[in-house]
Amino acid sequence: MNNSRVAIDASFLLKLLLPEDKSNEVEEQWKKWIEDSLEVIAPTLIIFEVSSVLRNKVYRGILIEDDAREIINQLKYFDITLIYTEDLLDIAWEFSSILETPVLYDCFYIALSKFLKIPLWTADKKLYNSAKRKFPFINLI
């Protein structure tokens, strides 16, 4: 595994942006990565997933529109390297079969980590529990 980069998924980033359970742990991990000069990487998909969750929270009355817009503005300045290659689609498709999942979202994060040989960090316990045996580079915050 490459020790100079880490990958994150949307669940991890959302806990960094919103006050949720485990947000403190995520913030501590993020600060450690910054101190250690690690490059944080995610598939481009993360922007769409995170903004969709924020929009859903506004729609359901959980988050105020102005607060969501402020978070979106913050998101633009996060130091996250966004990556998409055609290889990711093929790998994610393969991993969705291995994990027997009906959607590819989580598999893109796993595919990116596998492709780049870097650890993946998630706050999604369900993803972690379903994938950790087959993909030991996944870490749960």
C-alpha atoms as a PDB file:
ATOM      1  CA  MET A   1       0.000   0.000   0.000  1.00  0.00           C
ATOM      2  CA  ASN A   2       1.108   3.527  -0.791  1.00  0.00           C
ATOM      3  CA  ASN A   3       1.770   5.447   2.441  1.00  0.00           C
ATOM      4  CA  SER A   4       1.639   8.967   1.027  1.00  0.00           C
ATOM      5  CA  ARG A   5      -2.022   8.912  -0.055  1.00  0.00           C
ATOM      6  CA  VAL A   6      -5.383   7.821   1.327  1.00  0.00           C
ATOM      7  CA  ALA A   7      -8.820   7.559  -0.212  1.00  0.00           C
ATOM      8  CA  ILE A   8     -12.081   8.561   1.429  1.00  0.00           C
ATOM      9  CA  ASP A   9     -15.702   7.919   0.618  1.00  0.00           C
ATOM     10  CA  ALA A  10     -18.758  10.165   0.900  1.00  0.00           C
ATOM     11  CA  SER A  11     -19.693   8.898   4.372  1.00  0.00           C
ATOM     12  CA  PHE A  12     -16.289   9.977   5.674  1.00  0.00           C
ATOM     13  CA  LEU A  13     -16.485  13.415   4.046  1.00  0.00           C
ATOM     14  CA  LEU A  14     -20.034  14.017   5.271  1.00  0.00           C
ATOM     15  CA  LYS A  15     -18.934  13.435   8.849  1.00  0.00           C
ATOM     16  CA  LEU A  16     -16.224  16.032   8.284  1.00  0.00           C
ATOM     17  CA  LEU A  17     -18.775  18.544   6.975  1.00  0.00           C
ATOM     18  CA  LEU A  18     -21.727  17.890   9.297  1.00  0.00           C
ATOM     19  CA  PRO A  19     -21.912  17.381  13.050  1.00  0.00           C
ATOM     20  CA  GLU A  20     -22.721  13.674  13.261  1.00  0.00           C
ATOM     21  CA  ASP A  21     -21.758  10.646  15.310  1.00  0.00           C
ATOM     22  CA  LYS A  22     -18.011  10.018  14.784  1.00  0.00           C
ATOM     23  CA  SER A  23     -17.429  13.538  13.383  1.00  0.00           C
ATOM     24  CA  ASN A  24     -14.783  14.214  16.044  1.00  0.00           C
ATOM     25  CA  GLU A  25     -12.869  11.075  15.095  1.00  0.00           C
ATOM     26  CA  VAL A  26     -13.064  11.968  11.412  1.00  0.00           C
ATOM     27  CA  GLU A  27     -11.800  15.491  12.118  1.00  0.00           C
ATOM     28  CA  GLU A  28      -8.881  14.131  14.161  1.00  0.00           C
ATOM     29  CA  GLN A  29      -7.964  11.714  11.370  1.00  0.00           C
ATOM     30  CA  TRP A  30      -8.185  14.507   8.784  1.00  0.00           C
ATOM     31  CA  LYS A  31      -5.897  16.745  10.857  1.00  0.00           C
ATOM     32  CA  LYS A  32      -3.395  13.903  11.230  1.00  0.00           C
ATOM     33  CA  TRP A  33      -3.317  13.413   7.459  1.00  0.00           C
ATOM     34  CA  ILE A  34      -2.695  17.128   6.953  1.00  0.00           C
ATOM     35  CA  GLU A  35       0.117  17.086   9.533  1.00  0.00           C
ATOM     36  CA  ASP A  36       1.625  14.038   7.810  1.00  0.00           C
ATOM     37  CA  SER A  37       1.282  15.707   4.372  1.00  0.00           C
ATOM     38  CA  LEU A  38      -0.849  12.892   2.981  1.00  0.00           C
ATOM     39  CA  GLU A  39      -2.741  13.407  -0.248  1.00  0.00           C
ATOM     40  CA  VAL A  40      -6.459  12.686   0.147  1.00  0.00           C
ATOM     41  CA  ILE A  41      -8.011  11.165  -2.949  1.00  0.00           C
ATOM     42  CA  ALA A  42     -11.562  10.300  -3.985  1.00  0.00           C
ATOM     43  CA  PRO A  43     -13.406   9.464  -7.164  1.00  0.00           C
ATOM     44  CA  THR A  44     -15.173  12.472  -8.693  1.00  0.00           C
ATOM     45  CA  LEU A  45     -18.390  10.767  -7.662  1.00  0.00           C
ATOM     46  CA  ILE A  46     -17.850  12.008  -4.086  1.00  0.00           C
ATOM     47  CA  ILE A  47     -18.906  15.555  -5.028  1.00  0.00           C
ATOM     48  CA  PHE A  48     -22.195  14.328  -6.483  1.00  0.00           C
ATOM     49  CA  GLU A  49     -22.920  12.011  -3.568  1.00  0.00           C
ATOM     50  CA  VAL A  50     -22.165  14.560  -0.866  1.00  0.00           C
ATOM     51  CA  SER A  51     -24.111  17.358  -2.534  1.00  0.00           C
ATOM     52  CA  SER A  52     -27.068  15.009  -3.076  1.00  0.00           C
ATOM     53  CA  VAL A  53     -27.104  14.086   0.616  1.00  0.00           C
ATOM     54  CA  LEU A  54     -27.009  17.770   1.555  1.00  0.00           C
ATOM     55  CA  ARG A  55     -29.862  18.545  -0.839  1.00  0.00           C
ATOM     56  CA  ASN A  56     -31.878  15.655   0.603  1.00  0.00           C
ATOM     57  CA  LYS A  57     -31.359  17.018   4.127  1.00  0.00           C
ATOM     58  CA  VAL A  58     -32.597  20.443   3.000  1.00  0.00           C
ATOM     59  CA  TYR A  59     -35.596  18.874   1.277  1.00  0.00           C
ATOM     60  CA  ARG A  60     -36.509  16.919   4.433  1.00  0.00           C
ATOM     61  CA  GLY A  61     -36.092  19.981   6.673  1.00  0.00           C
ATOM     62  CA  ILE A  62     -33.050  18.602   8.505  1.00  0.00           C
ATOM     63  CA  LEU A  63     -30.696  21.263   7.170  1.00  0.00           C
ATOM     64  CA  ILE A  64     -31.340  24.919   6.372  1.00  0.00           C
ATOM     65  CA  GLU A  65     -30.758  25.915   2.747  1.00  0.00           C
ATOM     66  CA  ASP A  66     -28.233  28.640   3.652  1.00  0.00           C
ATOM     67  CA  ASP A  67     -26.256  26.203   5.806  1.00  0.00           C
ATOM     68  CA  ALA A  68     -26.190  23.658   3.000  1.00  0.00           C
ATOM     69  CA  ARG A  69     -24.982  26.290   0.540  1.00  0.00           C
ATOM     70  CA  GLU A  70     -22.215  27.280   2.965  1.00  0.00           C
ATOM     71  CA  ILE A  71     -21.133  23.637   3.251  1.00  0.00           C
ATOM     72  CA  ILE A  72     -21.138  23.347  -0.540  1.00  0.00           C
ATOM     73  CA  ASN A  73     -18.911  26.426  -0.715  1.00  0.00           C
ATOM     74  CA  GLN A  74     -16.533  24.896   1.857  1.00  0.00           C
ATOM     75  CA  LEU A  75     -16.476  21.675  -0.130  1.00  0.00           C
ATOM     76  CA  LYS A  76     -15.076  23.532  -3.143  1.00  0.00           C
ATOM     77  CA  TYR A  77     -11.927  24.359  -1.183  1.00  0.00           C
ATOM     78  CA  PHE A  78     -11.226  21.004   0.442  1.00  0.00           C
ATOM     79  CA  ASP A  79      -7.863  19.634  -0.540  1.00  0.00           C
ATOM     80  CA  ILE A  80      -9.100  16.416  -2.119  1.00  0.00           C
ATOM     81  CA  THR A  81      -7.695  15.114  -5.380  1.00  0.00           C
ATOM     82  CA  LEU A  82     -10.629  13.977  -7.511  1.00  0.00           C
ATOM     83  CA  ILE A  83     -10.036  11.152  -9.954  1.00  0.00           C
ATOM     84  CA  TYR A  84     -12.011   9.370 -12.612  1.00  0.00           C
ATOM     85  CA  THR A  85     -10.691   6.996 -15.230  1.00  0.00           C
ATOM     86  CA  GLU A  86     -12.491   4.496 -17.418  1.00  0.00           C
ATOM     87  CA  ASP A  87     -10.649   1.739 -15.555  1.00  0.00           C
ATOM     88  CA  LEU A  88     -12.615   2.621 -12.421  1.00  0.00           C
ATOM     89  CA  LEU A  89     -15.905   1.794 -14.080  1.00  0.00           C
ATOM     90  CA  ASP A  90     -14.709  -1.671 -15.077  1.00  0.00           C
ATOM     91  CA  ILE A  91     -13.214  -2.369 -11.660  1.00  0.00           C
ATOM     92  CA  ALA A  92     -16.284  -1.032  -9.809  1.00  0.00           C
ATOM     93  CA  TRP A  93     -18.526  -3.214 -11.962  1.00  0.00           C
ATOM     94  CA  GLU A  94     -16.428  -6.265 -11.120  1.00  0.00           C
ATOM     95  CA  PHE A  95     -16.465  -5.436  -7.400  1.00  0.00           C
ATOM     96  CA  SER A  96     -20.243  -4.977  -7.410  1.00  0.00           C
ATOM     97  CA  SER A  97     -20.507  -8.596  -8.543  1.00  0.00           C
ATOM     98  CA  ILE A  98     -18.071  -9.752  -5.871  1.00  0.00           C
ATOM     99  CA  LEU A  99     -19.998  -7.883  -3.156  1.00  0.00           C
ATOM    100  CA  GLU A 100     -23.365  -8.768  -4.704  1.00  0.00           C
ATOM    101  CA  THR A 101     -24.592  -5.189  -4.521  1.00  0.00           C
ATOM    102  CA  PRO A 102     -27.248  -3.687  -6.802  1.00  0.00           C
ATOM    103  CA  VAL A 103     -25.491  -0.300  -7.114  1.00  0.00           C
ATOM    104  CA  LEU A 104     -21.957   0.814  -7.932  1.00  0.00           C
ATOM    105  CA  TYR A 105     -21.490   3.894  -5.733  1.00  0.00           C
ATOM    106  CA  ASP A 106     -19.489   2.259  -2.946  1.00  0.00           C
ATOM    107  CA  CYS A 107     -17.639   0.094  -5.432  1.00  0.00           C
ATOM    108  CA  PHE A 108     -16.115   3.167  -7.101  1.00  0.00           C
ATOM    109  CA  TYR A 109     -14.376   4.052  -3.826  1.00  0.00           C
ATOM    110  CA  ILE A 110     -13.122   0.497  -3.395  1.00  0.00           C
ATOM    111  CA  ALA A 111     -12.027   0.394  -7.042  1.00  0.00           C
ATOM    112  CA  LEU A 112     -10.065   3.624  -6.718  1.00  0.00           C
ATOM    113  CA  SER A 113      -8.271   2.370  -3.618  1.00  0.00           C
ATOM    114  CA  LYS A 114      -7.458  -0.954  -5.237  1.00  0.00           C
ATOM    115  CA  PHE A 115      -6.363   0.714  -8.490  1.00  0.00           C
ATOM    116  CA  LEU A 116      -4.031   3.148  -6.692  1.00  0.00           C
ATOM    117  CA  LYS A 117      -3.009   0.654  -3.980  1.00  0.00           C
ATOM    118  CA  ILE A 118      -3.965   3.014  -1.162  1.00  0.00           C
ATOM    119  CA  PRO A 119      -6.103   2.580   1.956  1.00  0.00           C
ATOM    120  CA  LEU A 120      -9.768   3.554   1.865  1.00  0.00           C
ATOM    121  CA  TRP A 121     -11.393   5.225   4.856  1.00  0.00           C
ATOM    122  CA  THR A 122     -15.133   5.049   5.395  1.00  0.00           C
ATOM    123  CA  ALA A 123     -17.664   5.828   8.097  1.00  0.00           C
ATOM    124  CA  ASP A 124     -20.127   3.397   6.511  1.00  0.00           C
ATOM    125  CA  LYS A 125     -20.263   0.424   8.852  1.00  0.00           C
ATOM    126  CA  LYS A 126     -22.452  -1.574   6.469  1.00  0.00           C
ATOM    127  CA  LEU A 127     -19.945  -1.128   3.621  1.00  0.00           C
ATOM    128  CA  TYR A 128     -17.036  -1.965   5.889  1.00  0.00           C
ATOM    129  CA  ASN A 129     -18.672  -5.127   7.231  1.00  0.00           C
ATOM    130  CA  SER A 130     -19.665  -6.359   3.776  1.00  0.00           C
ATOM    131  CA  ALA A 131     -16.301  -5.655   2.131  1.00  0.00           C
ATOM    132  CA  LYS A 132     -13.529  -5.951   4.728  1.00  0.00           C
ATOM    133  CA  ARG A 133     -12.855  -9.666   4.137  1.00  0.00           C
ATOM    134  CA  LYS A 134     -12.429  -9.300   0.391  1.00  0.00           C
ATOM    135  CA  PHE A 135     -10.838  -5.856   0.493  1.00  0.00           C
ATOM    136  CA  PRO A 136      -8.634  -5.605   3.609  1.00  0.00           C
ATOM    137  CA  PHE A 137      -7.424  -2.108   2.705  1.00  0.00           C
ATOM    138  CA  ILE A 138     -10.775  -0.666   3.873  1.00  0.00           C
ATOM    139  CA  ASN A 139     -10.663   1.127   7.222  1.00  0.00           C
ATOM    140  CA  LEU A 140     -13.632   2.091   9.383  1.00  0.00           C
ATOM    141  CA  ILE A 141     -13.371   5.296  11.363  1.00  0.00           C
END
